[in-house]
Amino acid sequence: AGSTLDAQVHFSLTSPIAVIATHPWGPLGGSMADPHPRTVCHVFGEAGCTTVRFNFRSGVGSGKSSVEDVKAVASWLTRPRTAPEAGGRIIASKVLIVGYSYGSLIGAAAAEDIPE
């Protein structure tokens, strides 16, 4: 009953921190393959954090759907897993949003609704 995001996730089993890297504006060529979110994920992944970079589902308009995308990723990272083998574990208890250009504006707008 939901929709999906095209994303690249690197999991850490040792850090409570997850980093969401957001990209520049899609209509001008921005995507999760952009060097900025790739570098952010590489650096924070090497530091032991879970990292996520993804493509916004829409890049035209007010940006509201892009903000919702960031909040959805944060929720997915911090929500307890319901599968029996997961035992209610979460992927991360803290979320850091790092954005570039359009992605920084979207990340800042989403941050106020994301705990920690």
C-alpha atoms as a PDB file:
ATOM      1  CA  ALA A   1       0.000   0.000   0.000  1.00  0.00           C
ATOM      2  CA  GLY A   2       3.064   2.216  -0.171  1.00  0.00           C
ATOM      3  CA  SER A   3       5.418   3.282  -2.878  1.00  0.00           C
ATOM      4  CA  THR A   4       9.118   2.620  -3.214  1.00  0.00           C
ATOM      5  CA  LEU A   5      12.243   4.727  -3.513  1.00  0.00           C
ATOM      6  CA  ASP A   6      15.277   3.894  -5.611  1.00  0.00           C
ATOM      7  CA  ALA A   7      17.981   3.822  -2.927  1.00  0.00           C
ATOM      8  CA  GLN A   8      21.474   2.649  -2.070  1.00  0.00           C
ATOM      9  CA  VAL A   9      21.866   1.571   1.567  1.00  0.00           C
ATOM     10  CA  HIS A  10      25.044   0.618   3.427  1.00  0.00           C
ATOM     11  CA  PHE A  11      24.297  -0.996   6.794  1.00  0.00           C
ATOM     12  CA  SER A  12      26.418  -0.701   9.915  1.00  0.00           C
ATOM     13  CA  LEU A  13      25.939  -3.147  12.741  1.00  0.00           C
ATOM     14  CA  THR A  14      28.037  -1.105  15.163  1.00  0.00           C
ATOM     15  CA  SER A  15      26.820   2.497  14.999  1.00  0.00           C
ATOM     16  CA  PRO A  16      23.468   3.934  16.103  1.00  0.00           C
ATOM     17  CA  ILE A  17      23.886   6.738  13.538  1.00  0.00           C
ATOM     18  CA  ALA A  18      22.434   6.746  10.039  1.00  0.00           C
ATOM     19  CA  VAL A  19      23.299   9.374   7.445  1.00  0.00           C
ATOM     20  CA  ILE A  20      20.850  10.337   4.726  1.00  0.00           C
ATOM     21  CA  ALA A  21      22.638  12.004   1.799  1.00  0.00           C
ATOM     22  CA  THR A  22      20.399  14.080  -0.469  1.00  0.00           C
ATOM     23  CA  HIS A  23      21.213  15.136  -4.012  1.00  0.00           C
ATOM     24  CA  PRO A  24      20.925  18.280  -6.160  1.00  0.00           C
ATOM     25  CA  TRP A  25      17.776  19.112  -8.107  1.00  0.00           C
ATOM     26  CA  GLY A  26      16.736  16.292 -10.421  1.00  0.00           C
ATOM     27  CA  PRO A  27      15.620  18.367 -13.430  1.00  0.00           C
ATOM     28  CA  LEU A  28      19.181  19.713 -13.670  1.00  0.00           C
ATOM     29  CA  GLY A  29      20.704  16.248 -13.513  1.00  0.00           C
ATOM     30  CA  GLY A  30      20.866  15.620  -9.768  1.00  0.00           C
ATOM     31  CA  SER A  31      20.507  12.036  -8.594  1.00  0.00           C
ATOM     32  CA  MET A  32      21.836   9.666  -5.970  1.00  0.00           C
ATOM     33  CA  ALA A  33      24.698   8.953  -8.421  1.00  0.00           C
ATOM     34  CA  ASP A  34      25.885  12.577  -8.058  1.00  0.00           C
ATOM     35  CA  PRO A  35      29.433  12.789  -6.630  1.00  0.00           C
ATOM     36  CA  HIS A  36      28.285  14.719  -3.541  1.00  0.00           C
ATOM     37  CA  PRO A  37      25.934  12.136  -1.987  1.00  0.00           C
ATOM     38  CA  ARG A  38      28.283   9.347  -3.116  1.00  0.00           C
ATOM     39  CA  THR A  39      31.193  11.006  -1.290  1.00  0.00           C
ATOM     40  CA  VAL A  40      29.100  11.667   1.825  1.00  0.00           C
ATOM     41  CA  CYS A  41      28.061   8.024   1.970  1.00  0.00           C
ATOM     42  CA  HIS A  42      31.607   6.825   1.397  1.00  0.00           C
ATOM     43  CA  VAL A  43      33.094   9.027   4.137  1.00  0.00           C
ATOM     44  CA  PHE A  44      30.401   8.288   6.737  1.00  0.00           C
ATOM     45  CA  GLY A  45      30.324   4.604   5.775  1.00  0.00           C
ATOM     46  CA  GLU A  46      34.078   4.396   6.375  1.00  0.00           C
ATOM     47  CA  ALA A  47      33.447   6.032   9.765  1.00  0.00           C
ATOM     48  CA  GLY A  48      31.073   3.169  10.615  1.00  0.00           C
ATOM     49  CA  CYS A  49      27.666   4.775  10.028  1.00  0.00           C
ATOM     50  CA  THR A  50      24.712   3.355   8.150  1.00  0.00           C
ATOM     51  CA  THR A  51      24.268   5.444   5.008  1.00  0.00           C
ATOM     52  CA  VAL A  52      21.407   5.990   2.575  1.00  0.00           C
ATOM     53  CA  ARG A  53      21.298   7.878  -0.692  1.00  0.00           C
ATOM     54  CA  PHE A  54      18.219   7.818  -2.866  1.00  0.00           C
ATOM     55  CA  ASN A  55      16.487   9.461  -5.792  1.00  0.00           C
ATOM     56  CA  PHE A  56      13.684  11.860  -4.972  1.00  0.00           C
ATOM     57  CA  ARG A  57      10.454  10.682  -6.553  1.00  0.00           C
ATOM     58  CA  SER A  58       9.674  14.175  -7.839  1.00  0.00           C
ATOM     59  CA  GLY A  59      11.852  17.229  -8.321  1.00  0.00           C
ATOM     60  CA  VAL A  60       9.403  19.715  -9.758  1.00  0.00           C
ATOM     61  CA  GLY A  61       7.073  21.896  -7.710  1.00  0.00           C
ATOM     62  CA  SER A  62       7.274  23.080  -4.125  1.00  0.00           C
ATOM     63  CA  GLY A  63       9.543  20.255  -2.946  1.00  0.00           C
ATOM     64  CA  LYS A  64       6.919  18.902  -0.542  1.00  0.00           C
ATOM     65  CA  SER A  65       7.097  15.382  -1.988  1.00  0.00           C
ATOM     66  CA  SER A  66      10.902  15.432  -1.701  1.00  0.00           C
ATOM     67  CA  VAL A  67      10.605  16.442   1.972  1.00  0.00           C
ATOM     68  CA  GLU A  68       8.198  13.540   2.467  1.00  0.00           C
ATOM     69  CA  ASP A  69      10.751  11.217   0.836  1.00  0.00           C
ATOM     70  CA  VAL A  70      13.428  12.222   3.367  1.00  0.00           C
ATOM     71  CA  LYS A  71      11.006  11.779   6.268  1.00  0.00           C
ATOM     72  CA  ALA A  72      10.000   8.355   4.930  1.00  0.00           C
ATOM     73  CA  VAL A  73      13.633   7.231   4.760  1.00  0.00           C
ATOM     74  CA  ALA A  74      14.264   8.488   8.309  1.00  0.00           C
ATOM     75  CA  SER A  75      11.167   6.668   9.531  1.00  0.00           C
ATOM     76  CA  TRP A  76      12.303   3.456   7.835  1.00  0.00           C
ATOM     77  CA  LEU A  77      15.703   3.753   9.540  1.00  0.00           C
ATOM     78  CA  THR A  78      14.324   4.381  13.029  1.00  0.00           C
ATOM     79  CA  ARG A  79      11.240   2.130  13.026  1.00  0.00           C
ATOM     80  CA  PRO A  80      11.463  -1.147  14.991  1.00  0.00           C
ATOM     81  CA  ARG A  81      11.634  -4.176  12.695  1.00  0.00           C
ATOM     82  CA  THR A  82       8.565  -6.383  12.980  1.00  0.00           C
ATOM     83  CA  ALA A  83       9.980  -9.607  11.514  1.00  0.00           C
ATOM     84  CA  PRO A  84      10.377 -12.242  14.261  1.00  0.00           C
ATOM     85  CA  GLU A  85      14.101 -12.642  13.560  1.00  0.00           C
ATOM     86  CA  ALA A  86      14.623  -8.881  13.921  1.00  0.00           C
ATOM     87  CA  GLY A  87      13.343  -8.851  17.483  1.00  0.00           C
ATOM     88  CA  GLY A  88      12.105  -5.264  17.322  1.00  0.00           C
ATOM     89  CA  ARG A  89      15.566  -3.911  16.509  1.00  0.00           C
ATOM     90  CA  ILE A  90      16.003  -0.614  14.726  1.00  0.00           C
ATOM     91  CA  ILE A  91      18.629   0.228  12.122  1.00  0.00           C
ATOM     92  CA  ALA A  92      19.516   3.572  13.730  1.00  0.00           C
ATOM     93  CA  SER A  93      18.506   5.676  16.703  1.00  0.00           C
ATOM     94  CA  LYS A  94      20.000   8.920  15.362  1.00  0.00           C
ATOM     95  CA  VAL A  95      19.665  10.390  11.870  1.00  0.00           C
ATOM     96  CA  LEU A  96      21.994  12.918  10.267  1.00  0.00           C
ATOM     97  CA  ILE A  97      20.894  14.563   7.017  1.00  0.00           C
ATOM     98  CA  VAL A  98      23.608  15.853   4.691  1.00  0.00           C
ATOM     99  CA  GLY A  99      22.470  17.616   1.535  1.00  0.00           C
ATOM    100  CA  TYR A 100      23.921  19.457  -1.396  1.00  0.00           C
ATOM    101  CA  SER A 101      22.179  22.336  -3.202  1.00  0.00           C
ATOM    102  CA  TYR A 102      18.469  21.447  -3.561  1.00  0.00           C
ATOM    103  CA  GLY A 103      19.062  18.465  -1.272  1.00  0.00           C
ATOM    104  CA  SER A 104      20.263  20.729   1.550  1.00  0.00           C
ATOM    105  CA  LEU A 105      17.054  22.757   1.421  1.00  0.00           C
ATOM    106  CA  ILE A 106      14.939  19.605   1.387  1.00  0.00           C
ATOM    107  CA  GLY A 107      16.938  18.040   4.215  1.00  0.00           C
ATOM    108  CA  ALA A 108      16.586  21.153   6.370  1.00  0.00           C
ATOM    109  CA  ALA A 109      12.828  21.278   5.739  1.00  0.00           C
ATOM    110  CA  ALA A 110      12.469  17.595   6.689  1.00  0.00           C
ATOM    111  CA  ALA A 111      14.707  17.789   9.764  1.00  0.00           C
ATOM    112  CA  GLU A 112      12.216  19.598  11.965  1.00  0.00           C
ATOM    113  CA  ASP A 113       9.923  16.545  11.862  1.00  0.00           C
ATOM    114  CA  ILE A 114      12.627  13.926  12.445  1.00  0.00           C
ATOM    115  CA  PRO A 115      13.532  13.134  16.071  1.00  0.00           C
ATOM    116  CA  GLU A 116      17.255  13.437  16.949  1.00  0.00           C
END
